[in-house]
Amino acid sequence: MTRDQDSRSSVSQGLEWGTRVTTIGLEFALPAVLGHGLDRWLGSAPWLTVGGAFLGLAIGMLHIFRLPGELARAEERRRPPRSGGDAGRADA
């Protein structure tokens, strides 16, 4: 079985992966940073920081677990339709 090569340029593929990695990194870090800022403002340290860290961990891990399915769907959209099979069939 041969795999079809992605027709996009390597720059396009690199930008897509860079965007994915940045998004996941922000999902992990941003809730904790926001929690820290709220802790400093409200004087409730460290509870909102800890809560934000757990929330970021949950959101980031959820994204990582969903990533293989997203990649498979993206691959299916980029793949050209198969020829044959139903090509010779006439519907009445």
Protein backbone atom coordinates (compact mmCIF):
# COMPACT_ATOMS: atom_id res chain seq x y z
CA MET A 1 0.00 0.00 0.00
CA THR A 2 1.44 3.36 -0.98
CA ARG A 3 0.65 6.64 0.72
CA ASP A 4 -0.25 9.67 -1.31
CA GLN A 5 2.17 12.50 -0.75
CA ASP A 6 0.85 15.79 0.60
CA SER A 7 0.78 18.27 -2.29
CA ARG A 8 1.33 21.29 -0.03
CA SER A 9 4.71 22.98 0.22
CA SER A 10 6.99 22.21 3.14
CA VAL A 11 6.57 25.80 4.37
CA SER A 12 2.80 25.34 4.49
CA GLN A 13 3.15 22.06 6.38
CA GLY A 14 5.63 23.64 8.80
CA LEU A 15 3.33 26.59 9.46
CA GLU A 16 0.44 24.23 10.14
CA TRP A 17 2.47 22.27 12.68
CA GLY A 18 3.85 25.45 14.24
CA THR A 19 0.30 26.69 14.69
CA ARG A 20 -0.77 23.40 16.27
CA VAL A 21 2.14 23.36 18.71
CA THR A 22 1.63 27.02 19.66
CA THR A 23 -2.08 26.49 20.23
CA ILE A 24 -1.51 23.49 22.48
CA GLY A 25 1.21 25.32 24.41
CA LEU A 26 -1.08 28.28 25.02
CA GLU A 27 -3.87 25.95 26.11
CA PHE A 28 -1.56 24.53 28.78
CA ALA A 29 -0.06 27.83 29.97
CA LEU A 30 -2.67 30.56 29.57
CA PRO A 31 -5.17 29.41 32.24
CA ALA A 32 -2.39 29.25 34.87
CA VAL A 33 -1.09 32.69 33.87
CA LEU A 34 -4.59 34.15 34.05
CA GLY A 35 -5.11 32.46 37.42
CA HIS A 36 -1.86 33.98 38.70
CA GLY A 37 -2.95 37.44 37.57
CA LEU A 38 -6.32 37.04 39.26
CA ASP A 39 -4.61 35.76 42.43
CA ARG A 40 -2.44 38.87 42.58
CA TRP A 41 -5.43 41.13 41.95
CA LEU A 42 -7.78 39.42 44.42
CA GLY A 43 -5.16 38.33 46.95
CA SER A 44 -6.31 34.72 46.88
CA ALA A 45 -2.93 33.13 46.11
CA PRO A 46 -2.27 30.34 45.17
CA TRP A 47 -5.74 28.91 44.58
CA LEU A 48 -6.65 30.44 41.23
CA THR A 49 -3.16 29.70 39.89
CA VAL A 50 -3.48 26.05 40.89
CA GLY A 51 -7.01 25.88 39.49
CA GLY A 52 -5.83 27.47 36.25
CA ALA A 53 -2.94 25.01 36.02
CA PHE A 54 -5.31 22.04 36.37
CA LEU A 55 -7.74 23.58 33.89
CA GLY A 56 -4.91 24.17 31.40
CA LEU A 57 -3.68 20.63 31.87
CA ALA A 58 -7.16 19.25 31.18
CA ILE A 59 -7.73 21.43 28.11
CA GLY A 60 -4.27 20.75 26.66
CA MET A 61 -4.48 17.00 27.19
CA LEU A 62 -7.96 16.88 25.66
CA HIS A 63 -6.57 18.63 22.57
CA ILE A 64 -3.63 16.20 22.39
CA PHE A 65 -5.97 13.19 22.64
CA ARG A 66 -8.16 14.58 19.84
CA LEU A 67 -5.21 15.42 17.57
CA PRO A 68 -4.94 11.99 15.80
CA GLY A 69 -8.60 12.14 14.77
CA GLU A 70 -8.19 15.71 13.51
CA LEU A 71 -5.14 14.69 11.48
CA ALA A 72 -6.97 11.72 9.96
CA ARG A 73 -9.94 13.91 8.93
CA ALA A 74 -7.60 16.52 7.43
CA GLU A 75 -5.80 13.79 5.47
CA GLU A 76 -9.12 12.51 4.11
CA ARG A 77 -10.09 16.01 2.94
CA ARG A 78 -6.76 16.47 1.13
CA ARG A 79 -6.79 13.06 -0.53
CA PRO A 80 -8.22 13.03 -4.07
CA PRO A 81 -11.32 10.86 -4.61
CA ARG A 82 -10.63 7.29 -5.66
CA SER A 83 -11.36 6.25 -9.21
CA GLY A 84 -12.92 2.91 -9.98
CA GLY A 85 -15.35 0.98 -7.84
CA ASP A 86 -18.52 2.98 -8.57
CA ALA A 87 -17.22 4.53 -11.82
CA GLY A 88 -18.78 1.93 -14.12
CA ARG A 89 -22.04 1.66 -12.24
CA ALA A 90 -25.11 3.23 -13.83
CA ASP A 91 -27.93 4.29 -11.53
CA ALA A 92 -31.43 3.87 -12.95
